[in-house]
Amino acid sequence: VESPSFTLLSSGSLSYPVDCPVAAAWEATAGSGRLIVVGSADIFADEWLEREDNSKICDIFFNFLLHQGIKFDPSLGRCDFEEKECVPDIASLSNLIKPCFQEIEPLPQDYTTLLCDD
């Protein structure tokens, strides 16, 4: 999320990917335009929306868009997300397997020496 937009919700530190923006907002400096971008509209159709007062998120977003007394201060939120760490393409690397054989001692001519005499 780049300025002048700002992050409203992030995935948090206990989820994967860590601290990724889930919802962001933008407000016009001239005029009254406002925009909220959400990673997926399914967050409003989720079974968890009715639990733990999660429906308040939906109410706050719509009140912000309709200019009904909600104003977000981007300086209060955490907008400076850490740079993402690149993960190698494991699928393509799995096709490039290079076996590593350990050198073994040659087998004796008499195989009975390999058997236990217990």
Foldseek 3Di string as FASTA:
>chain_A
DDPPKAADDFPDCVDPPHGHGQKIKHADPPDGAIDMDGNDPCVCVDPCCPPPVVVVVVVLVVCSRVVPPHDDDRVPDPGDDDDDDDDDPVVVVVVVDDDDDDDDDDADPDNCVVDDPD
